[in-house]
């Protein structure tokens, strides 16, 4: 019983970490998008 709950909590931890990574990647994409827009306006 304890082993399955341990596995569940570990999966929760990994899910949380993945969500954080996805969030930071979305922010990076947004920053790159804004930088590209600015570069195109300068032409």
N, C-alpha and C. Protein backbone atom coordinates (compact mmCIF):
# COMPACT_ATOMS: atom_id res chain seq x y z
N UNK A 1 0.84 -1.21 0.00
CA UNK A 1 0.00 0.00 0.00
C UNK A 1 0.87 1.25 0.00
N UNK A 2 1.87 1.27 0.89
CA UNK A 2 2.70 2.47 1.00
C UNK A 2 3.48 2.73 -0.28
N UNK A 3 3.88 1.63 -0.96
CA UNK A 3 4.69 1.81 -2.17
C UNK A 3 3.89 2.50 -3.27
N UNK A 4 2.59 2.17 -3.38
CA UNK A 4 1.78 2.79 -4.42
C UNK A 4 1.53 4.27 -4.12
N UNK A 5 1.36 4.61 -2.83
CA UNK A 5 1.16 6.01 -2.48
C UNK A 5 2.45 6.79 -2.66
N UNK A 6 3.59 6.14 -2.41
CA UNK A 6 4.88 6.80 -2.66
C UNK A 6 5.04 7.09 -4.14
N UNK A 7 4.66 6.10 -4.96
CA UNK A 7 4.77 6.29 -6.40
C UNK A 7 3.85 7.43 -6.86
N UNK A 8 2.65 7.48 -6.28
CA UNK A 8 1.70 8.53 -6.65
C UNK A 8 2.25 9.91 -6.30
N UNK A 9 2.83 10.04 -5.10
CA UNK A 9 3.35 11.34 -4.69
C UNK A 9 4.56 11.73 -5.55
N UNK A 10 5.36 10.72 -5.96
CA UNK A 10 6.49 11.02 -6.82
C UNK A 10 6.01 11.49 -8.19
N UNK A 11 4.94 10.88 -8.68
CA UNK A 11 4.37 11.32 -9.96
C UNK A 11 3.85 12.74 -9.85
N UNK A 12 3.25 13.06 -8.70
CA UNK A 12 2.77 14.43 -8.48
C UNK A 12 3.93 15.42 -8.54
N UNK A 13 5.05 15.06 -7.93
CA UNK A 13 6.24 15.92 -7.95
C UNK A 13 6.72 16.14 -9.38
N UNK A 14 6.81 15.04 -10.14
CA UNK A 14 7.29 15.15 -11.52
C UNK A 14 6.33 15.99 -12.36
N UNK A 15 5.03 15.81 -12.13
CA UNK A 15 4.04 16.59 -12.87
C UNK A 15 4.21 18.08 -12.58
N UNK A 16 4.43 18.40 -11.29
CA UNK A 16 4.62 19.80 -10.90
C UNK A 16 5.84 20.39 -11.59
N UNK A 17 6.93 19.61 -11.61
CA UNK A 17 8.16 20.09 -12.24
C UNK A 17 7.95 20.32 -13.74
N UNK A 18 7.23 19.39 -14.38
CA UNK A 18 6.97 19.54 -15.81
C UNK A 18 6.11 20.77 -16.07
N UNK A 19 5.12 21.01 -15.22
CA UNK A 19 4.27 22.19 -15.39
C UNK A 19 5.10 23.47 -15.30
N UNK A 20 6.03 23.50 -14.34
CA UNK A 20 6.91 24.66 -14.19
C UNK A 20 7.76 24.85 -15.44
N UNK A 21 8.30 23.75 -15.98
CA UNK A 21 9.13 23.84 -17.18
C UNK A 21 8.33 24.38 -18.35
N UNK A 22 7.12 23.86 -18.52
CA UNK A 22 6.26 24.31 -19.62
C UNK A 22 5.96 25.80 -19.49
N UNK A 23 5.71 26.23 -18.25
CA UNK A 23 5.40 27.64 -18.01
C UNK A 23 6.57 28.52 -18.42
N UNK A 24 7.79 28.14 -18.01
CA UNK A 24 8.96 28.95 -18.33
C UNK A 24 9.24 28.92 -19.83
N UNK A 25 8.97 27.78 -20.48
CA UNK A 25 9.18 27.70 -21.93
C UNK A 25 8.20 28.61 -22.66
N UNK A 26 6.95 28.66 -22.17
CA UNK A 26 5.96 29.55 -22.80
C UNK A 26 6.41 31.00 -22.67
N UNK A 27 6.97 31.36 -21.51
CA UNK A 27 7.46 32.72 -21.31
C UNK A 27 8.60 33.01 -22.28
N UNK A 28 9.50 32.03 -22.46
CA UNK A 28 10.61 32.20 -23.40
C UNK A 28 10.10 32.44 -24.81
N UNK A 29 9.13 31.62 -25.23
CA UNK A 29 8.56 31.76 -26.57
C UNK A 29 7.96 33.15 -26.74
N UNK A 30 7.26 33.64 -25.71
CA UNK A 30 6.63 34.95 -25.78
C UNK A 30 7.69 36.04 -25.92
N UNK A 31 8.78 35.91 -25.15
CA UNK A 31 9.87 36.89 -25.22
C UNK A 31 10.49 36.89 -26.62
N UNK A 32 10.75 35.69 -27.16
CA UNK A 32 11.32 35.59 -28.50
C UNK A 32 10.38 36.20 -29.53
N UNK A 33 9.09 35.95 -29.38
CA UNK A 33 8.09 36.49 -30.31
C UNK A 33 8.12 38.01 -30.29
N UNK A 34 8.17 38.60 -29.10
CA UNK A 34 8.22 40.06 -28.97
C UNK A 34 9.51 40.61 -29.58
N UNK A 35 10.62 39.90 -29.36
CA UNK A 35 11.90 40.35 -29.91
C UNK A 35 11.85 40.34 -31.43
N UNK A 36 11.25 39.29 -32.00
CA UNK A 36 11.12 39.21 -33.46
C UNK A 36 10.26 40.35 -33.99
N UNK A 37 9.15 40.63 -33.32
CA UNK A 37 8.28 41.73 -33.74
C UNK A 37 9.05 43.04 -33.73
N UNK A 38 9.82 43.29 -32.68
CA UNK A 38 10.59 44.52 -32.56
C UNK A 38 11.62 44.61 -33.68
N UNK A 39 12.27 43.49 -33.99
CA UNK A 39 13.29 43.49 -35.04
C UNK A 39 12.66 43.78 -36.39
N UNK A 40 11.46 43.27 -36.63
CA UNK A 40 10.81 43.51 -37.91
C UNK A 40 10.37 44.96 -38.04
N UNK A 41 9.99 45.58 -36.93
CA UNK A 41 9.57 46.98 -36.96
C UNK A 41 10.75 47.90 -37.27
N UNK A 42 11.95 47.50 -36.89
CA UNK A 42 13.13 48.35 -37.07
C UNK A 42 13.56 48.46 -38.53
N UNK A 43 13.15 47.50 -39.36
CA UNK A 43 13.60 47.50 -40.75
C UNK A 43 13.12 48.75 -41.50
